[in-house]
Amino acid sequence: LRQLVHKEGAPFPVAMEISAPGLRA
């Protein structure tokens, strides 16, 4: 959360798994 709300800082890392009927990403 510290990285998210501060204007300065390193790129914010994200790893996401998304699923919907008949779809996965």
PDBML (XML) file of the C-alpha atoms, coordinates in Angstrom:
<?xml version="1.0" encoding="UTF-8" ?>
<PDBx:datablock datablockName="MODEL"
   xmlns:PDBx="http://pdbml.pdb.org/schema/pdbx-v50.xsd"
   xmlns:xsi="http://www.w3.org/2001/XMLSchema-instance"
   xsi:schemaLocation="http://pdbml.pdb.org/schema/pdbx-v50.xsd pdbx-v50.xsd">
   <PDBx:atom_siteCategory>
      <PDBx:atom_site id="1">
         <PDBx:B_iso_or_equiv>0.00</PDBx:B_iso_or_equiv>
         <PDBx:Cartn_x>0.000</PDBx:Cartn_x>
         <PDBx:Cartn_y>0.000</PDBx:Cartn_y>
         <PDBx:Cartn_z>0.000</PDBx:Cartn_z>
         <PDBx:auth_asym_id>A</PDBx:auth_asym_id>
         <PDBx:auth_atom_id>CA</PDBx:auth_atom_id>
         <PDBx:auth_comp_id>LEU</PDBx:auth_comp_id>
         <PDBx:auth_seq_id>1</PDBx:auth_seq_id>
         <PDBx:group_PDB>ATOM</PDBx:group_PDB>
         <PDBx:label_alt_id xsi:nil="true" />
         <PDBx:label_asym_id>A</PDBx:label_asym_id>
         <PDBx:label_atom_id>CA</PDBx:label_atom_id>
         <PDBx:label_comp_id>LEU</PDBx:label_comp_id>
         <PDBx:label_entity_id>1</PDBx:label_entity_id>
         <PDBx:label_seq_id>1</PDBx:label_seq_id>
         <PDBx:occupancy>1.00</PDBx:occupancy>
         <PDBx:pdbx_PDB_model_num>1</PDBx:pdbx_PDB_model_num>
         <PDBx:type_symbol>C</PDBx:type_symbol>
      </PDBx:atom_site>
      <PDBx:atom_site id="2">
         <PDBx:B_iso_or_equiv>0.00</PDBx:B_iso_or_equiv>
         <PDBx:Cartn_x>2.951</PDBx:Cartn_x>
         <PDBx:Cartn_y>2.318</PDBx:Cartn_y>
         <PDBx:Cartn_z>0.654</PDBx:Cartn_z>
         <PDBx:auth_asym_id>A</PDBx:auth_asym_id>
         <PDBx:auth_atom_id>CA</PDBx:auth_atom_id>
         <PDBx:auth_comp_id>ARG</PDBx:auth_comp_id>
         <PDBx:auth_seq_id>2</PDBx:auth_seq_id>
         <PDBx:group_PDB>ATOM</PDBx:group_PDB>
         <PDBx:label_alt_id xsi:nil="true" />
         <PDBx:label_asym_id>A</PDBx:label_asym_id>
         <PDBx:label_atom_id>CA</PDBx:label_atom_id>
         <PDBx:label_comp_id>ARG</PDBx:label_comp_id>
         <PDBx:label_entity_id>1</PDBx:label_entity_id>
         <PDBx:label_seq_id>2</PDBx:label_seq_id>
         <PDBx:occupancy>1.00</PDBx:occupancy>
         <PDBx:pdbx_PDB_model_num>1</PDBx:pdbx_PDB_model_num>
         <PDBx:type_symbol>C</PDBx:type_symbol>
      </PDBx:atom_site>
      <PDBx:atom_site id="3">
         <PDBx:B_iso_or_equiv>0.00</PDBx:B_iso_or_equiv>
         <PDBx:Cartn_x>4.085</PDBx:Cartn_x>
         <PDBx:Cartn_y>1.926</PDBx:Cartn_y>
         <PDBx:Cartn_z>-2.965</PDBx:Cartn_z>
         <PDBx:auth_asym_id>A</PDBx:auth_asym_id>
         <PDBx:auth_atom_id>CA</PDBx:auth_atom_id>
         <PDBx:auth_comp_id>GLN</PDBx:auth_comp_id>
         <PDBx:auth_seq_id>3</PDBx:auth_seq_id>
         <PDBx:group_PDB>ATOM</PDBx:group_PDB>
         <PDBx:label_alt_id xsi:nil="true" />
         <PDBx:label_asym_id>A</PDBx:label_asym_id>
         <PDBx:label_atom_id>CA</PDBx:label_atom_id>
         <PDBx:label_comp_id>GLN</PDBx:label_comp_id>
         <PDBx:label_entity_id>1</PDBx:label_entity_id>
         <PDBx:label_seq_id>3</PDBx:label_seq_id>
         <PDBx:occupancy>1.00</PDBx:occupancy>
         <PDBx:pdbx_PDB_model_num>1</PDBx:pdbx_PDB_model_num>
         <PDBx:type_symbol>C</PDBx:type_symbol>
      </PDBx:atom_site>
      <PDBx:atom_site id="4">
         <PDBx:B_iso_or_equiv>0.00</PDBx:B_iso_or_equiv>
         <PDBx:Cartn_x>0.551</PDBx:Cartn_x>
         <PDBx:Cartn_y>2.421</PDBx:Cartn_y>
         <PDBx:Cartn_z>-4.265</PDBx:Cartn_z>
         <PDBx:auth_asym_id>A</PDBx:auth_asym_id>
         <PDBx:auth_atom_id>CA</PDBx:auth_atom_id>
         <PDBx:auth_comp_id>LEU</PDBx:auth_comp_id>
         <PDBx:auth_seq_id>4</PDBx:auth_seq_id>
         <PDBx:group_PDB>ATOM</PDBx:group_PDB>
         <PDBx:label_alt_id xsi:nil="true" />
         <PDBx:label_asym_id>A</PDBx:label_asym_id>
         <PDBx:label_atom_id>CA</PDBx:label_atom_id>
         <PDBx:label_comp_id>LEU</PDBx:label_comp_id>
         <PDBx:label_entity_id>1</PDBx:label_entity_id>
         <PDBx:label_seq_id>4</PDBx:label_seq_id>
         <PDBx:occupancy>1.00</PDBx:occupancy>
         <PDBx:pdbx_PDB_model_num>1</PDBx:pdbx_PDB_model_num>
         <PDBx:type_symbol>C</PDBx:type_symbol>
      </PDBx:atom_site>
      <PDBx:atom_site id="5">
         <PDBx:B_iso_or_equiv>0.00</PDBx:B_iso_or_equiv>
         <PDBx:Cartn_x>-0.265</PDBx:Cartn_x>
         <PDBx:Cartn_y>5.752</PDBx:Cartn_y>
         <PDBx:Cartn_z>-2.621</PDBx:Cartn_z>
         <PDBx:auth_asym_id>A</PDBx:auth_asym_id>
         <PDBx:auth_atom_id>CA</PDBx:auth_atom_id>
         <PDBx:auth_comp_id>VAL</PDBx:auth_comp_id>
         <PDBx:auth_seq_id>5</PDBx:auth_seq_id>
         <PDBx:group_PDB>ATOM</PDBx:group_PDB>
         <PDBx:label_alt_id xsi:nil="true" />
         <PDBx:label_asym_id>A</PDBx:label_asym_id>
         <PDBx:label_atom_id>CA</PDBx:label_atom_id>
         <PDBx:label_comp_id>VAL</PDBx:label_comp_id>
         <PDBx:label_entity_id>1</PDBx:label_entity_id>
         <PDBx:label_seq_id>5</PDBx:label_seq_id>
         <PDBx:occupancy>1.00</PDBx:occupancy>
         <PDBx:pdbx_PDB_model_num>1</PDBx:pdbx_PDB_model_num>
         <PDBx:type_symbol>C</PDBx:type_symbol>
      </PDBx:atom_site>
      <PDBx:atom_site id="6">
         <PDBx:B_iso_or_equiv>0.00</PDBx:B_iso_or_equiv>
         <PDBx:Cartn_x>3.139</PDBx:Cartn_x>
         <PDBx:Cartn_y>7.446</PDBx:Cartn_y>
         <PDBx:Cartn_z>-2.905</PDBx:Cartn_z>
         <PDBx:auth_asym_id>A</PDBx:auth_asym_id>
         <PDBx:auth_atom_id>CA</PDBx:auth_atom_id>
         <PDBx:auth_comp_id>HIS</PDBx:auth_comp_id>
         <PDBx:auth_seq_id>6</PDBx:auth_seq_id>
         <PDBx:group_PDB>ATOM</PDBx:group_PDB>
         <PDBx:label_alt_id xsi:nil="true" />
         <PDBx:label_asym_id>A</PDBx:label_asym_id>
         <PDBx:label_atom_id>CA</PDBx:label_atom_id>
         <PDBx:label_comp_id>HIS</PDBx:label_comp_id>
         <PDBx:label_entity_id>1</PDBx:label_entity_id>
         <PDBx:label_seq_id>6</PDBx:label_seq_id>
         <PDBx:occupancy>1.00</PDBx:occupancy>
         <PDBx:pdbx_PDB_model_num>1</PDBx:pdbx_PDB_model_num>
         <PDBx:type_symbol>C</PDBx:type_symbol>
      </PDBx:atom_site>
      <PDBx:atom_site id="7">
         <PDBx:B_iso_or_equiv>0.00</PDBx:B_iso_or_equiv>
         <PDBx:Cartn_x>3.789</PDBx:Cartn_x>
         <PDBx:Cartn_y>9.491</PDBx:Cartn_y>
         <PDBx:Cartn_z>-6.020</PDBx:Cartn_z>
         <PDBx:auth_asym_id>A</PDBx:auth_asym_id>
         <PDBx:auth_atom_id>CA</PDBx:auth_atom_id>
         <PDBx:auth_comp_id>LYS</PDBx:auth_comp_id>
         <PDBx:auth_seq_id>7</PDBx:auth_seq_id>
         <PDBx:group_PDB>ATOM</PDBx:group_PDB>
         <PDBx:label_alt_id xsi:nil="true" />
         <PDBx:label_asym_id>A</PDBx:label_asym_id>
         <PDBx:label_atom_id>CA</PDBx:label_atom_id>
         <PDBx:label_comp_id>LYS</PDBx:label_comp_id>
         <PDBx:label_entity_id>1</PDBx:label_entity_id>
         <PDBx:label_seq_id>7</PDBx:label_seq_id>
         <PDBx:occupancy>1.00</PDBx:occupancy>
         <PDBx:pdbx_PDB_model_num>1</PDBx:pdbx_PDB_model_num>
         <PDBx:type_symbol>C</PDBx:type_symbol>
      </PDBx:atom_site>
      <PDBx:atom_site id="8">
         <PDBx:B_iso_or_equiv>0.00</PDBx:B_iso_or_equiv>
         <PDBx:Cartn_x>7.463</PDBx:Cartn_x>
         <PDBx:Cartn_y>8.592</PDBx:Cartn_y>
         <PDBx:Cartn_z>-6.171</PDBx:Cartn_z>
         <PDBx:auth_asym_id>A</PDBx:auth_asym_id>
         <PDBx:auth_atom_id>CA</PDBx:auth_atom_id>
         <PDBx:auth_comp_id>GLU</PDBx:auth_comp_id>
         <PDBx:auth_seq_id>8</PDBx:auth_seq_id>
         <PDBx:group_PDB>ATOM</PDBx:group_PDB>
         <PDBx:label_alt_id xsi:nil="true" />
         <PDBx:label_asym_id>A</PDBx:label_asym_id>
         <PDBx:label_atom_id>CA</PDBx:label_atom_id>
         <PDBx:label_comp_id>GLU</PDBx:label_comp_id>
         <PDBx:label_entity_id>1</PDBx:label_entity_id>
         <PDBx:label_seq_id>8</PDBx:label_seq_id>
         <PDBx:occupancy>1.00</PDBx:occupancy>
         <PDBx:pdbx_PDB_model_num>1</PDBx:pdbx_PDB_model_num>
         <PDBx:type_symbol>C</PDBx:type_symbol>
      </PDBx:atom_site>
      <PDBx:atom_site id="9">
         <PDBx:B_iso_or_equiv>0.00</PDBx:B_iso_or_equiv>
         <PDBx:Cartn_x>8.871</PDBx:Cartn_x>
         <PDBx:Cartn_y>5.081</PDBx:Cartn_y>
         <PDBx:Cartn_z>-6.144</PDBx:Cartn_z>
         <PDBx:auth_asym_id>A</PDBx:auth_asym_id>
         <PDBx:auth_atom_id>CA</PDBx:auth_atom_id>
         <PDBx:auth_comp_id>GLY</PDBx:auth_comp_id>
         <PDBx:auth_seq_id>9</PDBx:auth_seq_id>
         <PDBx:group_PDB>ATOM</PDBx:group_PDB>
         <PDBx:label_alt_id xsi:nil="true" />
         <PDBx:label_asym_id>A</PDBx:label_asym_id>
         <PDBx:label_atom_id>CA</PDBx:label_atom_id>
         <PDBx:label_comp_id>GLY</PDBx:label_comp_id>
         <PDBx:label_entity_id>1</PDBx:label_entity_id>
         <PDBx:label_seq_id>9</PDBx:label_seq_id>
         <PDBx:occupancy>1.00</PDBx:occupancy>
         <PDBx:pdbx_PDB_model_num>1</PDBx:pdbx_PDB_model_num>
         <PDBx:type_symbol>C</PDBx:type_symbol>
      </PDBx:atom_site>
      <PDBx:atom_site id="10">
         <PDBx:B_iso_or_equiv>0.00</PDBx:B_iso_or_equiv>
         <PDBx:Cartn_x>9.636</PDBx:Cartn_x>
         <PDBx:Cartn_y>1.938</PDBx:Cartn_y>
         <PDBx:Cartn_z>-8.108</PDBx:Cartn_z>
         <PDBx:auth_asym_id>A</PDBx:auth_asym_id>
         <PDBx:auth_atom_id>CA</PDBx:auth_atom_id>
         <PDBx:auth_comp_id>ALA</PDBx:auth_comp_id>
         <PDBx:auth_seq_id>10</PDBx:auth_seq_id>
         <PDBx:group_PDB>ATOM</PDBx:group_PDB>
         <PDBx:label_alt_id xsi:nil="true" />
         <PDBx:label_asym_id>A</PDBx:label_asym_id>
         <PDBx:label_atom_id>CA</PDBx:label_atom_id>
         <PDBx:label_comp_id>ALA</PDBx:label_comp_id>
         <PDBx:label_entity_id>1</PDBx:label_entity_id>
         <PDBx:label_seq_id>10</PDBx:label_seq_id>
         <PDBx:occupancy>1.00</PDBx:occupancy>
         <PDBx:pdbx_PDB_model_num>1</PDBx:pdbx_PDB_model_num>
         <PDBx:type_symbol>C</PDBx:type_symbol>
      </PDBx:atom_site>
      <PDBx:atom_site id="11">
         <PDBx:B_iso_or_equiv>0.00</PDBx:B_iso_or_equiv>
         <PDBx:Cartn_x>7.145</PDBx:Cartn_x>
         <PDBx:Cartn_y>0.482</PDBx:Cartn_y>
         <PDBx:Cartn_z>-10.613</PDBx:Cartn_z>
         <PDBx:auth_asym_id>A</PDBx:auth_asym_id>
         <PDBx:auth_atom_id>CA</PDBx:auth_atom_id>
         <PDBx:auth_comp_id>PRO</PDBx:auth_comp_id>
         <PDBx:auth_seq_id>11</PDBx:auth_seq_id>
         <PDBx:group_PDB>ATOM</PDBx:group_PDB>
         <PDBx:label_alt_id xsi:nil="true" />
         <PDBx:label_asym_id>A</PDBx:label_asym_id>
         <PDBx:label_atom_id>CA</PDBx:label_atom_id>
         <PDBx:label_comp_id>PRO</PDBx:label_comp_id>
         <PDBx:label_entity_id>1</PDBx:label_entity_id>
         <PDBx:label_seq_id>11</PDBx:label_seq_id>
         <PDBx:occupancy>1.00</PDBx:occupancy>
         <PDBx:pdbx_PDB_model_num>1</PDBx:pdbx_PDB_model_num>
         <PDBx:type_symbol>C</PDBx:type_symbol>
      </PDBx:atom_site>
      <PDBx:atom_site id="12">
         <PDBx:B_iso_or_equiv>0.00</PDBx:B_iso_or_equiv>
         <PDBx:Cartn_x>4.258</PDBx:Cartn_x>
         <PDBx:Cartn_y>-1.234</PDBx:Cartn_y>
         <PDBx:Cartn_z>-8.835</PDBx:Cartn_z>
         <PDBx:auth_asym_id>A</PDBx:auth_asym_id>
         <PDBx:auth_atom_id>CA</PDBx:auth_atom_id>
         <PDBx:auth_comp_id>PHE</PDBx:auth_comp_id>
         <PDBx:auth_seq_id>12</PDBx:auth_seq_id>
         <PDBx:group_PDB>ATOM</PDBx:group_PDB>
         <PDBx:label_alt_id xsi:nil="true" />
         <PDBx:label_asym_id>A</PDBx:label_asym_id>
         <PDBx:label_atom_id>CA</PDBx:label_atom_id>
         <PDBx:label_comp_id>PHE</PDBx:label_comp_id>
         <PDBx:label_entity_id>1</PDBx:label_entity_id>
         <PDBx:label_seq_id>12</PDBx:label_seq_id>
         <PDBx:occupancy>1.00</PDBx:occupancy>
         <PDBx:pdbx_PDB_model_num>1</PDBx:pdbx_PDB_model_num>
         <PDBx:type_symbol>C</PDBx:type_symbol>
      </PDBx:atom_site>
      <PDBx:atom_site id="13">
         <PDBx:B_iso_or_equiv>0.00</PDBx:B_iso_or_equiv>
         <PDBx:Cartn_x>4.475</PDBx:Cartn_x>
         <PDBx:Cartn_y>-5.066</PDBx:Cartn_y>
         <PDBx:Cartn_z>-9.288</PDBx:Cartn_z>
         <PDBx:auth_asym_id>A</PDBx:auth_asym_id>
         <PDBx:auth_atom_id>CA</PDBx:auth_atom_id>
         <PDBx:auth_comp_id>PRO</PDBx:auth_comp_id>
         <PDBx:auth_seq_id>13</PDBx:auth_seq_id>
         <PDBx:group_PDB>ATOM</PDBx:group_PDB>
         <PDBx:label_alt_id xsi:nil="true" />
         <PDBx:label_asym_id>A</PDBx:label_asym_id>
         <PDBx:label_atom_id>CA</PDBx:label_atom_id>
         <PDBx:label_comp_id>PRO</PDBx:label_comp_id>
         <PDBx:label_entity_id>1</PDBx:label_entity_id>
         <PDBx:label_seq_id>13</PDBx:label_seq_id>
         <PDBx:occupancy>1.00</PDBx:occupancy>
         <PDBx:pdbx_PDB_model_num>1</PDBx:pdbx_PDB_model_num>
         <PDBx:type_symbol>C</PDBx:type_symbol>
      </PDBx:atom_site>
      <PDBx:atom_site id="14">
         <PDBx:B_iso_or_equiv>0.00</PDBx:B_iso_or_equiv>
         <PDBx:Cartn_x>1.309</PDBx:Cartn_x>
         <PDBx:Cartn_y>-6.954</PDBx:Cartn_y>
         <PDBx:Cartn_z>-10.271</PDBx:Cartn_z>
         <PDBx:auth_asym_id>A</PDBx:auth_asym_id>
         <PDBx:auth_atom_id>CA</PDBx:auth_atom_id>
         <PDBx:auth_comp_id>VAL</PDBx:auth_comp_id>
         <PDBx:auth_seq_id>14</PDBx:auth_seq_id>
         <PDBx:group_PDB>ATOM</PDBx:group_PDB>
         <PDBx:label_alt_id xsi:nil="true" />
         <PDBx:label_asym_id>A</PDBx:label_asym_id>
         <PDBx:label_atom_id>CA</PDBx:label_atom_id>
         <PDBx:label_comp_id>VAL</PDBx:label_comp_id>
         <PDBx:label_entity_id>1</PDBx:label_entity_id>
         <PDBx:label_seq_id>14</PDBx:label_seq_id>
         <PDBx:occupancy>1.00</PDBx:occupancy>
         <PDBx:pdbx_PDB_model_num>1</PDBx:pdbx_PDB_model_num>
         <PDBx:type_symbol>C</PDBx:type_symbol>
      </PDBx:atom_site>
      <PDBx:atom_site id="15">
         <PDBx:B_iso_or_equiv>0.00</PDBx:B_iso_or_equiv>
         <PDBx:Cartn_x>0.697</PDBx:Cartn_x>
         <PDBx:Cartn_y>-10.674</PDBx:Cartn_y>
         <PDBx:Cartn_z>-10.927</PDBx:Cartn_z>
         <PDBx:auth_asym_id>A</PDBx:auth_asym_id>
         <PDBx:auth_atom_id>CA</PDBx:auth_atom_id>
         <PDBx:auth_comp_id>ALA</PDBx:auth_comp_id>
         <PDBx:auth_seq_id>15</PDBx:auth_seq_id>
         <PDBx:group_PDB>ATOM</PDBx:group_PDB>
         <PDBx:label_alt_id xsi:nil="true" />
         <PDBx:label_asym_id>A</PDBx:label_asym_id>
         <PDBx:label_atom_id>CA</PDBx:label_atom_id>
         <PDBx:label_comp_id>ALA</PDBx:label_comp_id>
         <PDBx:label_entity_id>1</PDBx:label_entity_id>
         <PDBx:label_seq_id>15</PDBx:label_seq_id>
         <PDBx:occupancy>1.00</PDBx:occupancy>
         <PDBx:pdbx_PDB_model_num>1</PDBx:pdbx_PDB_model_num>
         <PDBx:type_symbol>C</PDBx:type_symbol>
      </PDBx:atom_site>
      <PDBx:atom_site id="16">
         <PDBx:B_iso_or_equiv>0.00</PDBx:B_iso_or_equiv>
         <PDBx:Cartn_x>-2.921</PDBx:Cartn_x>
         <PDBx:Cartn_y>-11.435</PDBx:Cartn_y>
         <PDBx:Cartn_z>-11.822</PDBx:Cartn_z>
         <PDBx:auth_asym_id>A</PDBx:auth_asym_id>
         <PDBx:auth_atom_id>CA</PDBx:auth_atom_id>
         <PDBx:auth_comp_id>MET</PDBx:auth_comp_id>
         <PDBx:auth_seq_id>16</PDBx:auth_seq_id>
         <PDBx:group_PDB>ATOM</PDBx:group_PDB>
         <PDBx:label_alt_id xsi:nil="true" />
         <PDBx:label_asym_id>A</PDBx:label_asym_id>
         <PDBx:label_atom_id>CA</PDBx:label_atom_id>
         <PDBx:label_comp_id>MET</PDBx:label_comp_id>
         <PDBx:label_entity_id>1</PDBx:label_entity_id>
         <PDBx:label_seq_id>16</PDBx:label_seq_id>
         <PDBx:occupancy>1.00</PDBx:occupancy>
         <PDBx:pdbx_PDB_model_num>1</PDBx:pdbx_PDB_model_num>
         <PDBx:type_symbol>C</PDBx:type_symbol>
      </PDBx:atom_site>
      <PDBx:atom_site id="17">
         <PDBx:B_iso_or_equiv>0.00</PDBx:B_iso_or_equiv>
         <PDBx:Cartn_x>-4.964</PDBx:Cartn_x>
         <PDBx:Cartn_y>-14.531</PDBx:Cartn_y>
         <PDBx:Cartn_z>-12.641</PDBx:Cartn_z>
         <PDBx:auth_asym_id>A</PDBx:auth_asym_id>
         <PDBx:auth_atom_id>CA</PDBx:auth_atom_id>
         <PDBx:auth_comp_id>GLU</PDBx:auth_comp_id>
         <PDBx:auth_seq_id>17</PDBx:auth_seq_id>
         <PDBx:group_PDB>ATOM</PDBx:group_PDB>
         <PDBx:label_alt_id xsi:nil="true" />
         <PDBx:label_asym_id>A</PDBx:label_asym_id>
         <PDBx:label_atom_id>CA</PDBx:label_atom_id>
         <PDBx:label_comp_id>GLU</PDBx:label_comp_id>
         <PDBx:label_entity_id>1</PDBx:label_entity_id>
         <PDBx:label_seq_id>17</PDBx:label_seq_id>
         <PDBx:occupancy>1.00</PDBx:occupancy>
         <PDBx:pdbx_PDB_model_num>1</PDBx:pdbx_PDB_model_num>
         <PDBx:type_symbol>C</PDBx:type_symbol>
      </PDBx:atom_site>
      <PDBx:atom_site id="18">
         <PDBx:B_iso_or_equiv>0.00</PDBx:B_iso_or_equiv>
         <PDBx:Cartn_x>-8.394</PDBx:Cartn_x>
         <PDBx:Cartn_y>-13.808</PDBx:Cartn_y>
         <PDBx:Cartn_z>-14.148</PDBx:Cartn_z>
         <PDBx:auth_asym_id>A</PDBx:auth_asym_id>
         <PDBx:auth_atom_id>CA</PDBx:auth_atom_id>
         <PDBx:auth_comp_id>ILE</PDBx:auth_comp_id>
         <PDBx:auth_seq_id>18</PDBx:auth_seq_id>
         <PDBx:group_PDB>ATOM</PDBx:group_PDB>
         <PDBx:label_alt_id xsi:nil="true" />
         <PDBx:label_asym_id>A</PDBx:label_asym_id>
         <PDBx:label_atom_id>CA</PDBx:label_atom_id>
         <PDBx:label_comp_id>ILE</PDBx:label_comp_id>
         <PDBx:label_entity_id>1</PDBx:label_entity_id>
         <PDBx:label_seq_id>18</PDBx:label_seq_id>
         <PDBx:occupancy>1.00</PDBx:occupancy>
         <PDBx:pdbx_PDB_model_num>1</PDBx:pdbx_PDB_model_num>
         <PDBx:type_symbol>C</PDBx:type_symbol>
      </PDBx:atom_site>
      <PDBx:atom_site id="19">
         <PDBx:B_iso_or_equiv>0.00</PDBx:B_iso_or_equiv>
         <PDBx:Cartn_x>-11.144</PDBx:Cartn_x>
         <PDBx:Cartn_y>-16.303</PDBx:Cartn_y>
         <PDBx:Cartn_z>-14.889</PDBx:Cartn_z>
         <PDBx:auth_asym_id>A</PDBx:auth_asym_id>
         <PDBx:auth_atom_id>CA</PDBx:auth_atom_id>
         <PDBx:auth_comp_id>SER</PDBx:auth_comp_id>
         <PDBx:auth_seq_id>19</PDBx:auth_seq_id>
         <PDBx:group_PDB>ATOM</PDBx:group_PDB>
         <PDBx:label_alt_id xsi:nil="true" />
         <PDBx:label_asym_id>A</PDBx:label_asym_id>
         <PDBx:label_atom_id>CA</PDBx:label_atom_id>
         <PDBx:label_comp_id>SER</PDBx:label_comp_id>
         <PDBx:label_entity_id>1</PDBx:label_entity_id>
         <PDBx:label_seq_id>19</PDBx:label_seq_id>
         <PDBx:occupancy>1.00</PDBx:occupancy>
         <PDBx:pdbx_PDB_model_num>1</PDBx:pdbx_PDB_model_num>
         <PDBx:type_symbol>C</PDBx:type_symbol>
      </PDBx:atom_site>
      <PDBx:atom_site id="20">
         <PDBx:B_iso_or_equiv>0.00</PDBx:B_iso_or_equiv>
         <PDBx:Cartn_x>-14.662</PDBx:Cartn_x>
         <PDBx:Cartn_y>-16.063</PDBx:Cartn_y>
         <PDBx:Cartn_z>-16.317</PDBx:Cartn_z>
         <PDBx:auth_asym_id>A</PDBx:auth_asym_id>
         <PDBx:auth_atom_id>CA</PDBx:auth_atom_id>
         <PDBx:auth_comp_id>ALA</PDBx:auth_comp_id>
         <PDBx:auth_seq_id>20</PDBx:auth_seq_id>
         <PDBx:group_PDB>ATOM</PDBx:group_PDB>
         <PDBx:label_alt_id xsi:nil="true" />
         <PDBx:label_asym_id>A</PDBx:label_asym_id>
         <PDBx:label_atom_id>CA</PDBx:label_atom_id>
         <PDBx:label_comp_id>ALA</PDBx:label_comp_id>
         <PDBx:label_entity_id>1</PDBx:label_entity_id>
         <PDBx:label_seq_id>20</PDBx:label_seq_id>
         <PDBx:occupancy>1.00</PDBx:occupancy>
         <PDBx:pdbx_PDB_model_num>1</PDBx:pdbx_PDB_model_num>
         <PDBx:type_symbol>C</PDBx:type_symbol>
      </PDBx:atom_site>
      <PDBx:atom_site id="21">
         <PDBx:B_iso_or_equiv>0.00</PDBx:B_iso_or_equiv>
         <PDBx:Cartn_x>-16.952</PDBx:Cartn_x>
         <PDBx:Cartn_y>-18.664</PDBx:Cartn_y>
         <PDBx:Cartn_z>-17.900</PDBx:Cartn_z>
         <PDBx:auth_asym_id>A</PDBx:auth_asym_id>
         <PDBx:auth_atom_id>CA</PDBx:auth_atom_id>
         <PDBx:auth_comp_id>PRO</PDBx:auth_comp_id>
         <PDBx:auth_seq_id>21</PDBx:auth_seq_id>
         <PDBx:group_PDB>ATOM</PDBx:group_PDB>
         <PDBx:label_alt_id xsi:nil="true" />
         <PDBx:label_asym_id>A</PDBx:label_asym_id>
         <PDBx:label_atom_id>CA</PDBx:label_atom_id>
         <PDBx:label_comp_id>PRO</PDBx:label_comp_id>
         <PDBx:label_entity_id>1</PDBx:label_entity_id>
         <PDBx:label_seq_id>21</PDBx:label_seq_id>
         <PDBx:occupancy>1.00</PDBx:occupancy>
         <PDBx:pdbx_PDB_model_num>1</PDBx:pdbx_PDB_model_num>
         <PDBx:type_symbol>C</PDBx:type_symbol>
      </PDBx:atom_site>
      <PDBx:atom_site id="22">
         <PDBx:B_iso_or_equiv>0.00</PDBx:B_iso_or_equiv>
         <PDBx:Cartn_x>-14.930</PDBx:Cartn_x>
         <PDBx:Cartn_y>-20.046</PDBx:Cartn_y>
         <PDBx:Cartn_z>-20.804</PDBx:Cartn_z>
         <PDBx:auth_asym_id>A</PDBx:auth_asym_id>
         <PDBx:auth_atom_id>CA</PDBx:auth_atom_id>
         <PDBx:auth_comp_id>GLY</PDBx:auth_comp_id>
         <PDBx:auth_seq_id>22</PDBx:auth_seq_id>
         <PDBx:group_PDB>ATOM</PDBx:group_PDB>
         <PDBx:label_alt_id xsi:nil="true" />
         <PDBx:label_asym_id>A</PDBx:label_asym_id>
         <PDBx:label_atom_id>CA</PDBx:label_atom_id>
         <PDBx:label_comp_id>GLY</PDBx:label_comp_id>
         <PDBx:label_entity_id>1</PDBx:label_entity_id>
         <PDBx:label_seq_id>22</PDBx:label_seq_id>
         <PDBx:occupancy>1.00</PDBx:occupancy>
         <PDBx:pdbx_PDB_model_num>1</PDBx:pdbx_PDB_model_num>
         <PDBx:type_symbol>C</PDBx:type_symbol>
      </PDBx:atom_site>
      <PDBx:atom_site id="23">
         <PDBx:B_iso_or_equiv>0.00</PDBx:B_iso_or_equiv>
         <PDBx:Cartn_x>-12.067</PDBx:Cartn_x>
         <PDBx:Cartn_y>-17.574</PDBx:Cartn_y>
         <PDBx:Cartn_z>-20.366</PDBx:Cartn_z>
         <PDBx:auth_asym_id>A</PDBx:auth_asym_id>
         <PDBx:auth_atom_id>CA</PDBx:auth_atom_id>
         <PDBx:auth_comp_id>LEU</PDBx:auth_comp_id>
         <PDBx:auth_seq_id>23</PDBx:auth_seq_id>
         <PDBx:group_PDB>ATOM</PDBx:group_PDB>
         <PDBx:label_alt_id xsi:nil="true" />
         <PDBx:label_asym_id>A</PDBx:label_asym_id>
         <PDBx:label_atom_id>CA</PDBx:label_atom_id>
         <PDBx:label_comp_id>LEU</PDBx:label_comp_id>
         <PDBx:label_entity_id>1</PDBx:label_entity_id>
         <PDBx:label_seq_id>23</PDBx:label_seq_id>
         <PDBx:occupancy>1.00</PDBx:occupancy>
         <PDBx:pdbx_PDB_model_num>1</PDBx:pdbx_PDB_model_num>
         <PDBx:type_symbol>C</PDBx:type_symbol>
      </PDBx:atom_site>
      <PDBx:atom_site id="24">
         <PDBx:B_iso_or_equiv>0.00</PDBx:B_iso_or_equiv>
         <PDBx:Cartn_x>-8.783</PDBx:Cartn_x>
         <PDBx:Cartn_y>-17.556</PDBx:Cartn_y>
         <PDBx:Cartn_z>-18.447</PDBx:Cartn_z>
         <PDBx:auth_asym_id>A</PDBx:auth_asym_id>
         <PDBx:auth_atom_id>CA</PDBx:auth_atom_id>
         <PDBx:auth_comp_id>ARG</PDBx:auth_comp_id>
         <PDBx:auth_seq_id>24</PDBx:auth_seq_id>
         <PDBx:group_PDB>ATOM</PDBx:group_PDB>
         <PDBx:label_alt_id xsi:nil="true" />
         <PDBx:label_asym_id>A</PDBx:label_asym_id>
         <PDBx:label_atom_id>CA</PDBx:label_atom_id>
         <PDBx:label_comp_id>ARG</PDBx:label_comp_id>
         <PDBx:label_entity_id>1</PDBx:label_entity_id>
         <PDBx:label_seq_id>24</PDBx:label_seq_id>
         <PDBx:occupancy>1.00</PDBx:occupancy>
         <PDBx:pdbx_PDB_model_num>1</PDBx:pdbx_PDB_model_num>
         <PDBx:type_symbol>C</PDBx:type_symbol>
      </PDBx:atom_site>
      <PDBx:atom_site id="25">
         <PDBx:B_iso_or_equiv>0.00</PDBx:B_iso_or_equiv>
         <PDBx:Cartn_x>-6.009</PDBx:Cartn_x>
         <PDBx:Cartn_y>-14.951</PDBx:Cartn_y>
         <PDBx:Cartn_z>-18.465</PDBx:Cartn_z>
         <PDBx:auth_asym_id>A</PDBx:auth_asym_id>
         <PDBx:auth_atom_id>CA</PDBx:auth_atom_id>
         <PDBx:auth_comp_id>ALA</PDBx:auth_comp_id>
         <PDBx:auth_seq_id>25</PDBx:auth_seq_id>
         <PDBx:group_PDB>ATOM</PDBx:group_PDB>
         <PDBx:label_alt_id xsi:nil="true" />
         <PDBx:label_asym_id>A</PDBx:label_asym_id>
         <PDBx:label_atom_id>CA</PDBx:label_atom_id>
         <PDBx:label_comp_id>ALA</PDBx:label_comp_id>
         <PDBx:label_entity_id>1</PDBx:label_entity_id>
         <PDBx:label_seq_id>25</PDBx:label_seq_id>
         <PDBx:occupancy>1.00</PDBx:occupancy>
         <PDBx:pdbx_PDB_model_num>1</PDBx:pdbx_PDB_model_num>
         <PDBx:type_symbol>C</PDBx:type_symbol>
      </PDBx:atom_site>
   </PDBx:atom_siteCategory>
</PDBx:datablock>
